[in-house]
C-alpha atoms as a PDB file:
ATOM      1  CA  MET A   1      -0.392 -26.955   3.129  1.00  0.00           C
ATOM      2  CA  ASN A   2      -3.975 -26.475   2.032  1.00  0.00           C
ATOM      3  CA  ALA A   3      -5.174 -25.244  -1.345  1.00  0.00           C
ATOM      4  CA  ILE A   4      -6.149 -21.563  -1.379  1.00  0.00           C
ATOM      5  CA  ASN A   5      -9.266 -20.608  -3.337  1.00  0.00           C
ATOM      6  CA  LEU A   6      -8.460 -17.207  -4.845  1.00  0.00           C
ATOM      7  CA  VAL A   7     -12.023 -16.667  -6.107  1.00  0.00           C
ATOM      8  CA  GLU A   8     -13.284 -17.100  -2.549  1.00  0.00           C
ATOM      9  CA  LYS A   9     -10.604 -14.781  -1.150  1.00  0.00           C
ATOM     10  CA  LEU A  10     -11.359 -12.096  -3.734  1.00  0.00           C
ATOM     11  CA  GLY A  11     -15.049 -12.346  -2.803  1.00  0.00           C
ATOM     12  CA  VAL A  12     -14.162 -11.022   0.659  1.00  0.00           C
ATOM     13  CA  ILE A  13     -12.594  -7.834  -0.725  1.00  0.00           C
ATOM     14  CA  SER A  14     -15.033  -4.955  -1.153  1.00  0.00           C
ATOM     15  CA  LYS A  15     -12.728  -1.981  -1.805  1.00  0.00           C
ATOM     16  CA  HIS A  16     -10.363  -1.200  -4.659  1.00  0.00           C
ATOM     17  CA  TRP A  17      -6.626  -0.815  -4.008  1.00  0.00           C
ATOM     18  CA  ASP A  18      -6.947  -2.842  -0.773  1.00  0.00           C
ATOM     19  CA  PRO A  19      -4.562  -5.835  -1.060  1.00  0.00           C
ATOM     20  CA  HIS A  20      -5.111  -8.801   1.261  1.00  0.00           C
ATOM     21  CA  VAL A  21      -2.437 -11.361   2.140  1.00  0.00           C
ATOM     22  CA  VAL A  22      -3.488 -14.929   1.322  1.00  0.00           C
ATOM     23  CA  ALA A  23      -0.167 -16.715   1.909  1.00  0.00           C
ATOM     24  CA  ASP A  24       3.492 -16.351   2.786  1.00  0.00           C
ATOM     25  CA  TYR A  25       6.098 -17.487   0.275  1.00  0.00           C
ATOM     26  CA  ASN A  26       9.678 -17.506   1.545  1.00  0.00           C
ATOM     27  CA  ASP A  27      10.316 -13.877   2.556  1.00  0.00           C
ATOM     28  CA  SER A  28       7.366 -12.596   0.520  1.00  0.00           C
ATOM     29  CA  GLU A  29       3.625 -12.112   0.878  1.00  0.00           C
ATOM     30  CA  VAL A  30       1.213 -13.399  -1.756  1.00  0.00           C
ATOM     31  CA  MET A  31      -1.754 -11.038  -2.027  1.00  0.00           C
ATOM     32  CA  VAL A  32      -4.925 -10.545  -4.016  1.00  0.00           C
ATOM     33  CA  VAL A  33      -6.371  -7.160  -4.865  1.00  0.00           C
ATOM     34  CA  LYS A  34      -9.156  -5.604  -6.920  1.00  0.00           C
ATOM     35  CA  PHE A  35      -8.669  -2.250  -8.539  1.00  0.00           C
ATOM     36  CA  GLN A  36     -10.051   0.230 -11.009  1.00  0.00           C
ATOM     37  CA  GLY A  37      -8.664   3.629 -11.923  1.00  0.00           C
ATOM     38  CA  GLU A  38      -5.004   4.476 -11.569  1.00  0.00           C
ATOM     39  CA  PHE A  39      -2.388   4.172  -8.856  1.00  0.00           C
ATOM     40  CA  PRO A  40       0.222   6.931  -8.500  1.00  0.00           C
ATOM     41  CA  PHE A  41       3.529   6.609 -10.314  1.00  0.00           C
ATOM     42  CA  HIS A  42       6.102   5.116  -7.940  1.00  0.00           C
ATOM     43  CA  LYS A  43       9.160   2.876  -7.765  1.00  0.00           C
ATOM     44  CA  HIS A  44      10.568   0.257  -5.431  1.00  0.00           C
ATOM     45  CA  ASP A  45      14.279   0.738  -4.759  1.00  0.00           C
ATOM     46  CA  ARG A  46      14.903  -2.683  -3.149  1.00  0.00           C
ATOM     47  CA  THR A  47      12.537  -5.136  -4.858  1.00  0.00           C
ATOM     48  CA  ASP A  48      10.921  -6.064  -8.161  1.00  0.00           C
ATOM     49  CA  ASP A  49       7.112  -5.767  -8.391  1.00  0.00           C
ATOM     50  CA  PHE A  50       5.083  -8.847  -9.477  1.00  0.00           C
ATOM     51  CA  PHE A  51       1.555  -8.685 -10.990  1.00  0.00           C
ATOM     52  CA  LEU A  52      -0.486 -11.652 -12.289  1.00  0.00           C
ATOM     53  CA  VAL A  53      -3.845 -10.639 -13.763  1.00  0.00           C
ATOM     54  CA  LEU A  54      -6.528 -13.137 -12.740  1.00  0.00           C
ATOM     55  CA  THR A  55      -9.555 -11.440 -14.323  1.00  0.00           C
ATOM     56  CA  GLY A  56      -9.929  -8.330 -16.429  1.00  0.00           C
ATOM     57  CA  GLU A  57      -7.237  -6.227 -18.021  1.00  0.00           C
ATOM     58  CA  MET A  58      -4.769  -3.747 -16.580  1.00  0.00           C
ATOM     59  CA  ILE A  59      -2.340  -1.313 -18.109  1.00  0.00           C
ATOM     60  CA  MET A  60       1.143  -0.880 -16.721  1.00  0.00           C
ATOM     61  CA  ASP A  61       2.385   2.627 -17.415  1.00  0.00           C
ATOM     62  CA  TYR A  62       6.103   3.398 -17.267  1.00  0.00           C
ATOM     63  CA  GLU A  63       7.788   6.748 -16.912  1.00  0.00           C
ATOM     64  CA  ASP A  64      10.362   6.093 -19.611  1.00  0.00           C
ATOM     65  CA  ARG A  65       8.900   3.466 -21.950  1.00  0.00           C
ATOM     66  CA  THR A  66       5.706   2.411 -23.697  1.00  0.00           C
ATOM     67  CA  SER A  67       2.777   1.256 -21.565  1.00  0.00           C
ATOM     68  CA  GLU A  68       1.758  -2.381 -21.832  1.00  0.00           C
ATOM     69  CA  VAL A  69      -1.615  -4.089 -21.579  1.00  0.00           C
ATOM     70  CA  VAL A  70      -1.671  -7.108 -19.259  1.00  0.00           C
ATOM     71  CA  ARG A  71      -4.663  -9.436 -19.700  1.00  0.00           C
ATOM     72  CA  ALA A  72      -6.114 -12.275 -17.626  1.00  0.00           C
ATOM     73  CA  GLY A  73      -3.608 -15.106 -17.437  1.00  0.00           C
ATOM     74  CA  GLU A  74      -0.655 -12.793 -18.087  1.00  0.00           C
ATOM     75  CA  MET A  75       1.891 -11.399 -15.666  1.00  0.00           C
ATOM     76  CA  VAL A  76       4.370  -8.584 -15.558  1.00  0.00           C
ATOM     77  CA  ILE A  77       7.399  -8.100 -13.346  1.00  0.00           C
ATOM     78  CA  VAL A  78       8.524  -4.504 -12.941  1.00  0.00           C
ATOM     79  CA  PRO A  79      12.251  -4.379 -12.102  1.00  0.00           C
ATOM     80  CA  LYS A  80      13.327  -2.480  -8.996  1.00  0.00           C
ATOM     81  CA  ARG A  81      13.937   1.251  -9.484  1.00  0.00           C
ATOM     82  CA  VAL A  82      11.642   1.403 -12.564  1.00  0.00           C
ATOM     83  CA  VAL A  83       8.968   4.093 -12.167  1.00  0.00           C
ATOM     84  CA  HIS A  84       5.561   2.568 -12.955  1.00  0.00           C
ATOM     85  CA  ARG A  85       1.812   2.904 -12.438  1.00  0.00           C
ATOM     86  CA  PRO A  86      -0.802   0.146 -12.688  1.00  0.00           C
ATOM     87  CA  ARG A  87      -4.242   1.186 -13.872  1.00  0.00           C
ATOM     88  CA  ALA A  88      -7.465  -0.326 -15.175  1.00  0.00           C
ATOM     89  CA  GLU A  89     -10.475   1.167 -16.925  1.00  0.00           C
ATOM     90  CA  ARG A  90     -12.733  -1.583 -15.504  1.00  0.00           C
ATOM     91  CA  GLU A  91     -12.282  -3.622 -12.363  1.00  0.00           C
ATOM     92  CA  VAL A  92      -9.378  -6.058 -12.517  1.00  0.00           C
ATOM     93  CA  GLN A  93      -8.400  -8.799 -10.074  1.00  0.00           C
ATOM     94  CA  VAL A  94      -4.690  -9.307  -9.553  1.00  0.00           C
ATOM     95  CA  LEU A  95      -2.352 -11.564  -7.595  1.00  0.00           C
ATOM     96  CA  LEU A  96       0.670  -9.713  -6.199  1.00  0.00           C
ATOM     97  CA  ILE A  97       3.876 -10.976  -4.655  1.00  0.00           C
ATOM     98  CA  GLU A  98       5.845  -8.500  -2.541  1.00  0.00           C
ATOM     99  CA  ALA A  99       8.710  -8.768  -0.090  1.00  0.00           C
ATOM    100  CA  LYS A 100       7.461  -8.737   3.504  1.00  0.00           C
ATOM    101  CA  GLY A 101       7.513  -5.210   4.882  1.00  0.00           C
ATOM    102  CA  GLU A 102       7.648  -3.541   1.463  1.00  0.00           C
ATOM    103  CA  PRO A 103       5.028  -0.758   1.311  1.00  0.00           C
ATOM    104  CA  ASN A 104       3.001  -0.988  -1.885  1.00  0.00           C
ATOM    105  CA  THR A 105       3.183   2.787  -2.355  1.00  0.00           C
ATOM    106  CA  CYS A 106       6.955   3.170  -1.906  1.00  0.00           C
ATOM    107  CA  ASP A 107       8.002   6.683  -2.888  1.00  0.00           C
ATOM    108  CA  SER A 108       4.528   8.004  -3.810  1.00  0.00           C
ATOM    109  CA  ASP A 109       2.523  10.341  -1.578  1.00  0.00           C
ATOM    110  CA  ARG A 110      -0.184   7.694  -1.143  1.00  0.00           C
ATOM    111  CA  GLU A 111      -0.642   6.060   2.272  1.00  0.00           C
ATOM    112  CA  PRO A 112       0.411   2.367   2.184  1.00  0.00           C
ATOM    113  CA  ALA A 113      -2.374  -0.227   2.354  1.00  0.00           C
ATOM    114  CA  SER A 114      -2.701  -2.162   5.604  1.00  0.00           C
ATOM    115  CA  LYS A 115      -2.504  -5.598   3.907  1.00  0.00           C
ATOM    116  CA  PRO A 116      -4.829  -7.597   6.194  1.00  0.00           C
ATOM    117  CA  ARG A 117      -4.682 -11.405   6.104  1.00  0.00           C
ATOM    118  CA  ILE A 118      -7.626 -13.437   4.844  1.00  0.00           C
END
């Protein structure tokens, strides 16, 4: 039950699209990630997808609706089975919450990230 310094944890991450687990929350993993560019369109059939932007600005693209800009201090929850793609023109730092065992790539052709613990 110690405080977790997210700035310190993010300082350990050197690659984009490489989420690291910083804590467990019930049956979920709390992760931090840095990214720039775009992730493939994908969907999660069993779980919602949670994004909290810590620094920067990301865009959440949807297959069937208007994209939305998500800025620092804002969050977006993508409902299960909704096809989506996060992207950012400049580096963004994001906190993610995902069910344990849920691959971040789901039905895309991209190899899932290893999700190391820091």
